[in-house]
Structures are given as C-alpha cells and as structure tokens.
Protein backbone atom coordinates (compact mmCIF):
# COMPACT_ATOMS: atom_id res chain seq x y z
CA UNK A 1 161.71 72.60 103.66
CA UNK A 2 160.11 69.22 104.11
CA UNK A 3 160.47 67.27 100.86
CA UNK A 4 157.33 65.34 99.90
CA UNK A 5 157.75 61.71 98.93
CA UNK A 6 154.37 61.40 97.30
CA UNK A 7 151.70 63.68 95.82
CA UNK A 8 148.54 64.18 97.78
CA UNK A 9 145.09 63.08 96.70
CA UNK A 10 146.11 61.62 93.35
CA UNK A 11 144.84 58.22 92.25
CA UNK A 12 147.22 56.00 90.29
CA UNK A 13 144.39 54.63 88.18
CA UNK A 14 143.47 58.14 87.10
CA UNK A 15 147.04 58.90 86.11
CA UNK A 16 147.25 55.72 84.05
CA UNK A 17 144.02 56.70 82.35
CA UNK A 18 145.47 60.06 81.44
CA UNK A 19 148.54 58.43 79.96
CA UNK A 20 146.42 56.08 77.90
CA UNK A 21 144.33 59.00 76.65
CA UNK A 22 147.48 60.76 75.51
CA UNK A 23 146.80 63.79 77.71
CA UNK A 24 150.29 63.85 79.19
CA UNK A 25 153.06 64.80 76.81
CA UNK A 26 155.99 62.35 76.77
CA UNK A 27 159.29 63.65 78.04
CA UNK A 28 161.86 64.45 75.36
CA UNK A 29 165.11 62.49 75.31
CA UNK A 30 167.71 63.61 77.81
CA UNK A 31 170.35 65.91 76.36
CA UNK A 32 173.37 67.81 77.56
CA UNK A 33 172.29 71.37 78.37
CA UNK A 34 174.36 74.53 78.72
CA UNK A 35 173.18 75.96 82.04
CA UNK A 36 175.10 79.25 82.05
CA UNK A 37 172.95 82.33 82.58
CA UNK A 38 173.62 83.68 79.09
CA UNK A 39 172.56 80.36 77.57
CA UNK A 40 169.35 80.34 79.62
CA UNK A 41 168.56 83.92 78.60
CA UNK A 42 169.23 83.06 74.96
CA UNK A 43 166.95 80.02 75.11
CA UNK A 44 164.12 82.02 76.71
CA UNK A 45 164.55 84.67 74.01
CA UNK A 46 164.52 82.07 71.26
CA UNK A 47 161.27 80.53 72.51
CA UNK A 48 159.72 83.96 72.99
CA UNK A 49 160.64 84.98 69.43
CA UNK A 50 159.31 81.75 67.98
CA UNK A 51 155.87 82.43 69.47
CA UNK A 52 155.94 86.15 68.62
CA UNK A 53 156.02 87.42 72.21
CA UNK A 54 156.50 91.15 72.69
CA UNK A 55 157.68 90.86 76.28
CA UNK A 56 158.51 87.99 78.66
CA UNK A 57 159.39 87.61 82.31
CA UNK A 58 160.54 84.34 83.89
CA UNK A 59 161.14 83.63 87.58
CA UNK A 60 162.74 80.39 88.73
CA UNK A 61 162.01 78.68 92.07
CA UNK A 62 164.52 76.22 93.49
CA UNK A 63 163.83 74.33 96.72
CA UNK A 64 161.02 76.68 97.69
CA UNK A 65 162.92 79.93 97.05
CA UNK A 66 163.15 82.29 94.09
CA UNK A 67 166.60 81.65 92.65
CA UNK A 68 166.72 83.67 89.44
CA UNK A 69 164.71 86.01 87.24
CA UNK A 70 164.88 86.86 83.55
CA UNK A 71 163.26 89.41 81.23
CA UNK A 72 163.35 90.02 77.50
CA UNK A 73 161.55 92.06 74.87
CA UNK A 74 159.47 95.15 75.50
CA UNK A 75 157.19 96.42 78.26
CA UNK A 76 156.09 99.10 75.79
CA UNK A 77 157.12 98.52 72.19
CA UNK A 78 160.22 100.41 71.08
CA UNK A 79 160.16 102.74 74.08
CA UNK A 80 160.42 100.73 77.31
CA UNK A 81 162.45 97.50 77.45
CA UNK A 82 161.00 94.77 79.66
CA UNK A 83 162.81 94.40 82.99
CA UNK A 84 162.35 91.97 85.87
CA UNK A 85 160.62 94.77 87.81
CA UNK A 86 157.85 95.52 85.34
CA UNK A 87 154.30 94.66 86.39
CA UNK A 88 152.20 92.42 84.12
CA UNK A 89 148.57 91.36 84.47
CA UNK A 90 148.72 87.69 85.50
CA UNK A 91 145.14 86.92 84.36
CA UNK A 92 143.65 83.74 85.89
CA UNK A 93 146.66 83.07 88.09
CA UNK A 94 144.84 85.72 90.16
CA UNK A 95 142.57 82.91 91.35
CA UNK A 96 145.50 81.28 93.14
CA UNK A 97 146.26 84.59 94.89
CA UNK A 98 142.61 85.04 95.96
CA UNK A 99 142.68 81.53 97.41
CA UNK A 100 145.88 82.30 99.31
CA UNK A 101 144.07 85.26 100.86
CA UNK A 102 141.24 82.91 101.85
CA UNK A 103 143.73 80.44 103.34
CA UNK A 104 145.38 83.22 105.35
CA UNK A 105 141.96 84.22 106.71
CA UNK A 106 141.32 80.54 107.54
CA UNK A 107 144.59 80.44 109.48
CA UNK A 108 143.38 83.53 111.35
CA UNK A 109 140.05 81.90 112.17
CA UNK A 110 137.96 84.29 110.07
CA UNK A 111 136.52 81.80 107.55
CA UNK A 112 136.91 78.16 106.56
CA UNK A 113 136.60 76.48 103.16
CA UNK A 114 133.33 75.03 104.48
CA UNK A 115 131.89 78.48 105.21
CA UNK A 116 128.61 78.80 103.33
CA UNK A 117 128.40 81.52 100.72
CA UNK A 118 124.96 82.58 101.91
CA UNK A 119 126.09 82.95 105.52
CA UNK A 120 128.61 85.56 104.42
CA UNK A 121 125.87 87.64 102.81
CA UNK A 122 123.14 87.05 105.37
CA UNK A 123 120.90 84.99 103.10
CA UNK A 124 120.29 81.32 102.34
CA UNK A 125 121.92 80.37 99.03
CA UNK A 126 120.95 77.04 97.49
CA UNK A 127 120.77 75.55 94.05
CA UNK A 128 117.01 74.89 93.75
CA UNK A 129 117.70 71.43 92.32
CA UNK A 130 119.81 70.52 95.37
CA UNK A 131 118.17 72.42 98.17
CA UNK A 132 119.82 70.29 100.85
CA UNK A 133 123.37 70.92 99.63
CA UNK A 134 125.09 74.08 100.87
CA UNK A 135 127.33 76.07 98.54
CA UNK A 136 130.66 76.76 100.21
CA UNK A 137 133.62 78.99 99.54
CA UNK A 138 135.61 75.82 98.81
CA UNK A 139 133.15 74.87 96.05
CA UNK A 140 133.96 78.14 94.29
CA UNK A 141 137.71 77.43 94.58
CA UNK A 142 137.27 74.17 92.63
CA UNK A 143 134.80 75.59 90.08
CA UNK A 144 132.15 73.17 91.32
CA UNK A 145 129.76 75.65 92.97
CA UNK A 146 127.05 75.10 90.32
CA UNK A 147 126.81 78.89 89.98
CA UNK A 148 126.33 79.90 86.38
CA UNK A 149 128.51 82.32 84.46
CA UNK A 150 125.83 84.97 84.83
CA UNK A 151 126.10 85.22 88.62
CA UNK A 152 125.85 88.87 89.64
CA UNK A 153 128.90 90.78 90.87
CA UNK A 154 126.78 93.51 92.46
CA UNK A 155 126.05 93.22 96.19
CA UNK A 156 122.34 93.80 95.63
CA UNK A 157 122.34 91.12 92.91
CA UNK A 158 124.02 88.62 95.20
CA UNK A 159 121.52 88.99 98.00
CA UNK A 160 118.58 89.10 95.61
CA UNK A 161 119.05 86.69 92.72
CA UNK A 162 121.02 84.02 94.60
CA UNK A 163 118.63 84.05 97.52
CA UNK A 164 115.79 83.50 95.05
CA UNK A 165 117.58 80.55 93.47
CA UNK A 166 118.54 82.25 90.22
CA UNK A 167 121.94 81.94 88.53
CA UNK A 168 122.50 78.19 88.94
CA UNK A 169 123.21 75.31 86.60
CA UNK A 170 121.60 71.88 86.88
CA UNK A 171 124.76 70.37 88.40
CA UNK A 172 125.25 69.30 92.00
CA UNK A 173 127.44 71.62 94.11
CA UNK A 174 130.79 70.13 95.08
CA UNK A 175 130.73 67.32 92.52
CA UNK A 176 133.56 67.17 89.95
CA UNK A 177 130.84 66.44 87.42
CA UNK A 178 129.69 70.00 88.09
CA UNK A 179 133.03 71.46 86.99
CA UNK A 180 132.52 74.72 85.15
CA UNK A 181 135.39 77.20 84.90
CA UNK A 182 133.70 80.24 86.35
CA UNK A 183 135.36 83.66 86.35
CA UNK A 184 132.32 85.37 87.83
CA UNK A 185 132.18 82.97 90.76
CA UNK A 186 135.80 83.76 91.62
CA UNK A 187 134.95 87.44 91.41
CA UNK A 188 132.19 86.71 93.88
CA UNK A 189 134.65 84.87 96.14
CA UNK A 190 136.94 87.91 96.28
CA UNK A 191 133.97 90.19 96.97
CA UNK A 192 132.80 87.85 99.72
CA UNK A 193 136.17 87.87 101.49
CA UNK A 194 136.18 91.67 101.38
CA UNK A 195 132.55 91.87 102.51
CA UNK A 196 132.97 89.71 105.61
CA UNK A 197 136.24 91.38 106.70
CA UNK A 198 135.42 94.95 105.67
CA UNK A 199 138.91 95.11 104.14
CA UNK A 200 140.34 95.15 100.64
CA UNK A 201 142.05 91.94 99.54
CA UNK A 202 145.01 94.14 98.61
CA UNK A 203 145.34 95.12 102.28
CA UNK A 204 144.83 91.56 103.53
CA UNK A 205 147.54 90.32 101.14
CA UNK A 206 149.82 93.25 101.99
CA UNK A 207 149.72 92.41 105.69
CA UNK A 208 150.03 88.64 105.27
CA UNK A 209 152.44 88.40 102.31
CA UNK A 210 153.36 91.51 100.33
CA UNK A 211 155.01 93.63 102.99
CA UNK A 212 157.15 90.91 104.61
CA UNK A 213 158.16 89.52 101.20
CA UNK A 214 158.89 92.89 99.57
CA UNK A 215 156.17 92.45 96.93
CA UNK A 216 154.63 95.35 94.98
CA UNK A 217 151.41 93.97 93.50
CA UNK A 218 147.69 94.66 93.37
CA UNK A 219 144.40 93.19 92.18
CA UNK A 220 143.75 96.64 90.65
CA UNK A 221 146.68 97.51 88.40
CA UNK A 222 146.51 101.25 89.05
CA UNK A 223 147.15 100.66 92.76
CA UNK A 224 150.64 99.15 92.45
CA UNK A 225 153.28 101.49 93.87
CA UNK A 226 155.43 101.42 90.73
CA UNK A 227 152.85 102.53 88.15
CA UNK A 228 155.79 103.66 85.99
CA UNK A 229 156.63 99.96 85.66
CA UNK A 230 153.26 98.80 84.29
CA UNK A 231 153.73 96.81 81.08
CA UNK A 232 151.31 97.30 78.20
CA UNK A 233 149.48 94.17 77.05
CA UNK A 234 149.74 93.30 73.36
CA UNK A 235 147.63 90.94 71.30
CA UNK A 236 149.35 88.48 68.99
CA UNK A 237 148.32 90.58 65.97
CA UNK A 238 150.42 93.46 67.31
CA UNK A 239 147.58 95.65 68.55
CA UNK A 240 147.25 96.83 72.14
CA UNK A 241 145.02 94.72 74.38
CA UNK A 242 145.42 96.99 77.41
CA UNK A 243 147.40 100.23 77.35
CA UNK A 244 149.51 101.52 80.22
CA UNK A 245 147.05 104.41 80.54
CA UNK A 246 144.14 101.98 80.96
CA UNK A 247 146.07 99.94 83.50
CA UNK A 248 146.94 103.05 85.52
CA UNK A 249 143.29 104.06 85.62
CA UNK A 250 142.12 100.68 86.95
CA UNK A 251 141.68 101.40 90.65
CA UNK A 252 140.02 99.63 93.55
CA UNK A 253 136.39 100.37 94.40
CA UNK A 254 135.44 102.94 97.01
CA UNK A 255 134.14 100.29 99.41
CA UNK A 256 135.51 96.78 100.02
CA UNK A 257 133.27 94.03 98.71
CA UNK A 258 131.48 96.06 96.05
CA UNK A 259 133.42 95.16 92.91
CA UNK A 260 134.43 91.65 91.89
CA UNK A 261 135.90 92.61 88.53
CA UNK A 262 139.51 92.30 89.72
CA UNK A 263 139.61 88.91 91.34
CA UNK A 264 139.22 86.46 88.47
CA UNK A 265 142.14 87.89 86.50
CA UNK A 266 143.22 91.40 87.42
CA UNK A 267 146.17 90.68 89.72
CA UNK A 268 149.16 92.65 88.46
CA UNK A 269 152.74 91.93 89.52
CA UNK A 270 156.14 90.92 88.26
CA UNK A 271 157.03 87.28 87.69
CA UNK A 272 159.40 87.62 90.64
CA UNK A 273 156.54 88.81 92.87
CA UNK A 274 154.28 85.94 91.79
CA UNK A 275 157.10 83.42 92.20
CA UNK A 276 157.57 84.42 95.85
CA UNK A 277 153.92 83.58 96.48
CA UNK A 278 154.10 80.31 94.54
CA UNK A 279 157.29 79.47 96.43
CA UNK A 280 155.25 79.52 99.65
CA UNK A 281 153.11 76.73 98.22
CA UNK A 282 156.20 74.90 96.93
CA UNK A 283 157.85 75.34 100.33
CA UNK A 284 155.03 73.77 102.37
CA UNK A 285 153.89 77.17 103.65
CA UNK A 286 157.37 78.56 104.31
CA UNK A 287 159.61 81.08 102.55
CA UNK A 288 163.16 81.69 103.79
CA UNK A 289 162.35 79.85 107.01
CA UNK A 290 159.30 81.99 107.80
CA UNK A 291 155.87 80.35 107.84
CA UNK A 292 153.20 82.19 105.83
CA UNK A 293 150.51 79.51 105.52
CA UNK A 294 149.72 76.55 107.74
CA UNK A 295 150.33 72.99 106.68
CA UNK A 296 146.55 72.52 106.77
CA UNK A 297 146.06 75.32 104.23
CA UNK A 298 148.72 73.96 101.89
CA UNK A 299 147.22 70.49 102.04
CA UNK A 300 143.80 71.92 101.28
CA UNK A 301 145.01 73.91 98.28
CA UNK A 302 146.72 70.81 96.91
CA UNK A 303 143.84 68.40 97.59
CA UNK A 304 142.15 67.08 94.45
CA UNK A 305 138.41 66.75 93.99
CA UNK A 306 138.80 64.62 90.86
CA UNK A 307 139.65 64.71 87.18
CA UNK A 308 138.13 67.66 85.36
CA UNK A 309 137.03 67.49 81.70
CA UNK A 310 140.39 68.93 80.61
CA UNK A 311 142.17 65.81 81.87
CA UNK A 312 143.83 67.41 84.90
CA UNK A 313 143.17 66.95 88.59
CA UNK A 314 141.24 69.96 89.90
CA UNK A 315 142.52 71.23 93.22
CA UNK A 316 141.86 74.49 95.15
CA UNK A 317 142.26 76.08 92.60
CA UNK A 318 145.56 74.75 91.25
CA UNK A 319 145.59 71.92 88.74
CA UNK A 320 147.72 68.81 89.04
CA UNK A 321 149.46 66.47 86.61
CA UNK A 322 152.09 63.79 87.03
CA UNK A 323 155.12 63.46 84.75
CA UNK A 324 154.90 67.04 83.55
CA UNK A 325 158.15 68.81 82.59
CA UNK A 326 160.01 65.64 83.52
CA UNK A 327 158.87 65.98 87.14
CA UNK A 328 157.08 63.47 89.36
CA UNK A 329 154.23 65.83 90.20
CA UNK A 330 153.41 69.39 89.22
CA UNK A 331 150.77 71.82 90.45
CA UNK A 332 150.05 74.63 88.04
CA UNK A 333 147.69 77.34 86.89
CA UNK A 334 147.53 79.20 83.59
CA UNK A 335 146.20 82.64 82.73
CA UNK A 336 145.21 84.51 79.59
CA UNK A 337 143.42 87.79 78.88
CA UNK A 338 143.82 90.67 76.43
CA UNK A 339 147.05 89.17 75.05
CA UNK A 340 148.87 87.77 78.09
CA UNK A 341 149.63 84.04 78.21
CA UNK A 342 150.97 83.00 81.60
CA UNK A 343 151.92 80.00 83.74
CA UNK A 344 152.75 79.42 87.40
CA UNK A 345 153.84 75.93 88.44
CA UNK A 346 155.81 74.00 91.04
CA UNK A 347 157.09 70.49 91.70
CA UNK A 348 155.54 69.26 94.95
CA UNK A 349 158.46 66.91 95.69
CA UNK A 350 161.50 69.18 95.19
CA UNK A 351 159.95 72.61 95.69
CA UNK A 352 161.21 73.76 92.27
CA UNK A 353 158.98 75.86 90.06
CA UNK A 354 158.65 78.45 87.32
CA UNK A 355 156.51 81.53 86.67
CA UNK A 356 156.27 82.69 83.05
CA UNK A 357 154.47 85.92 82.12
CA UNK A 358 154.18 86.94 78.46
CA UNK A 359 152.48 89.53 76.30
CA UNK A 360 151.84 89.38 72.55
CA UNK A 361 152.59 85.69 72.11
CA UNK A 362 150.64 83.05 70.22
CA UNK A 363 147.90 81.30 72.19
CA UNK A 364 148.87 77.85 70.90
CA UNK A 365 148.69 75.16 73.59
CA UNK A 366 150.72 72.09 74.54
CA UNK A 367 149.06 69.64 76.94
CA UNK A 368 146.54 72.35 77.85
CA UNK A 369 149.25 74.90 78.70
CA UNK A 370 150.13 77.84 76.46
CA UNK A 371 153.04 76.60 74.37
CA UNK A 372 155.26 79.63 74.87
CA UNK A 373 155.01 79.07 78.64
CA UNK A 374 155.15 75.29 78.38
CA UNK A 375 158.42 75.29 76.43
CA UNK A 376 160.10 77.81 78.73
CA UNK A 377 159.00 75.93 81.87
CA UNK A 378 159.97 72.59 80.37
CA UNK A 379 163.43 73.91 79.51
CA UNK A 380 163.97 75.51 82.94
CA UNK A 381 162.75 72.54 84.96
CA UNK A 382 165.02 70.15 83.07
CA UNK A 383 168.10 72.23 83.90
CA UNK A 384 170.18 70.94 86.82
CA UNK A 385 170.78 74.42 88.29
CA UNK A 386 168.61 76.93 86.36
CA UNK A 387 171.59 79.05 85.45
CA UNK A 388 172.99 79.43 88.97
C-alpha cells in the first residue's frame, strides 16, 4: 500500500482555526498500554459498560487490512450473545457504502460525480434560485445539493416535483455554505443509481465488493444471508428500537430504483464486513493486493469541499479532521438510528482504522463523535499493535 505523506485537500489555515475554536480534542498524555488481546477486550468491555451499551462489535484495520475483531455484550438480551458475525444496522455509515457503489460505477464508465441528477431521470432539475447551476450526484454526496429534507423518494415525485422546482432550499448547489445533512437526498442517490442501471445496489455491491471479499451484508436487513445473526437494536432506556423480527421483514423493493428508504441508513453488516470496505479506502483502493477502486475514485471520496458548520471538513461523504485519535489525519463517518451509535474511521497516512458498532449505548458525544465509539477508537488507534 502506498503510504500518504500528506492529507489531500486540507488547508492549514482551516486546521489552525479549528484548533483555536477548541473543536479538536487534545491528545491525552502518552502512557504505557497493555496490548494483549485479553487487555484490549477488557478495555472495550469497560468502555461499553460505562456508556450502557447492550452489544458492541469492533474491527481493527492495520495497514489497509482487517487485523482483528472483537465483540461483547448481547445481540439479543439474555438469549443471544453478541459475536463478531452478528449483523448490525450501521445507520448513516450506509452513505459511505452508497458512495462506494457510485465510485465503482464511475470506474466502470456508467456515471461520474458530475452526472446531473435530472439527466438520470429524464428531466431538467434545477434550484429555481440558481437556474444556471446543475445539481450533480457529487453535490448529494457532500450534502450540498440544495435539496430540502422533504425531497420525494417516490419515482413519480422525483420526476414531478423536482422538475417543477419544488423541494429546494435557498442555498446554492455545490457551495459548502449550502451544507445541509440530508438523509432523503442520499436515499434519492441510491434510487438514482438503481434507476439508471436497472440493478439493485445490493447486487452492484455484491459483484464489485461483497463476493470477492466474503462479505454478507445488505441495504435491506432481511436480505442478508445470515438472518439468524441479525442483532436487535436497543435504545439507551432498555427498550427495543428495532426487533429481530422487524429487521428480518425489511426486504428490498420489487423493482430497482423504487424505494430509497434503505440508502441513508439501512445498511446491515458486521463490523468486520464494514471494516473490509473501509480498508479499501484506507488502502488506496486495494485490499490484500487486489484493486477494488481506482486511485481517482479514492481521491474524489477524500477531497474536501470546505469546512462544514460542525467544524469538520466535508468530503464525499466522509468527514476529515487532523490530530484526531493521536493521528495526523483521519477520515470518518458516524451513524445513529433507533439506538445504534456507530463509527467508521481510518488514518490516511498509515492505513490504520477502526469500525465500532454499538446498540443501547448513551448518545453522548466527544468532538462530534459518539463518546462510546470515540473512546474505543481512541484507545485502539493509540495501541502499537492492536492486540496482535
């Protein structure tokens, strides 16, 4: 794997501004750490208990490869212990997976990030306030499309309301000042990719990534192969946010491109599965010596369009911060829904990374990242060998 000596598209002045604003958490003092596997498992369990997690999975990436996986707690309380093979809803980390599907299609010459949304649906789509500015698939990836949160996820609604200029904010498409975290727009992106290919994103991902990497995952939880390994989702108050029965009954639509409900947050997989995909990004498009995404696609996903209101650099769709977890540069994405609090991140210089999936934990945040995930990732990424 080619080691990167600098982080792409990041301005030093912006980083200094973040430090002055106190957005970046200072690194704790260096300390001697026990790196044996039992010690790592115990530390993960201690952090999980402190935040009230019911179940936790952790996958470690070293040098662009998954090096270790951990699990603790319950997949289903008191009846099914959490294992590394259980499948957990990853919530908004799904957006990274949708973008990887788009990048794979770009590498195949099917679409580009500059492809106009309207072209895909056979209509002209413009924000009425900026009629000369096209709205591209890349704008959706950075949450700068200017689409409002009410954008329709029905094919008839897309071709009707958007073509008539409804469902837009007053912001300019593509401008970081237009940043608006938009779940519906990402649902629309997934629908659009299915619509123009006539294929389910599950099948596109299976061909490009899942099958060669041995991944069992799905945007619709009931379509994973190992439905007996679906983990229930618990809220922090102990109640069930999503039962195993509900997850099993969540299936893909009858026709590709007709249901965008899955793509903003429905991806369901194990931490190990997700880590293999994140390792491709950490490994400059490679995993175990096999190229899965082009260098162009990796550079695009990592390219920043500016500092978003949350104090992070918004990329496509990862976020970026320097000096996070004691690392020079870290790309990351969080996810939360129905009781899961999750994190996927990687160091763009070393290719190290961590995926943390939790259910039932507190939603407290540290530096904009859920604290239960932040503390586990911080601990893992400060270890010299991650328990190996």
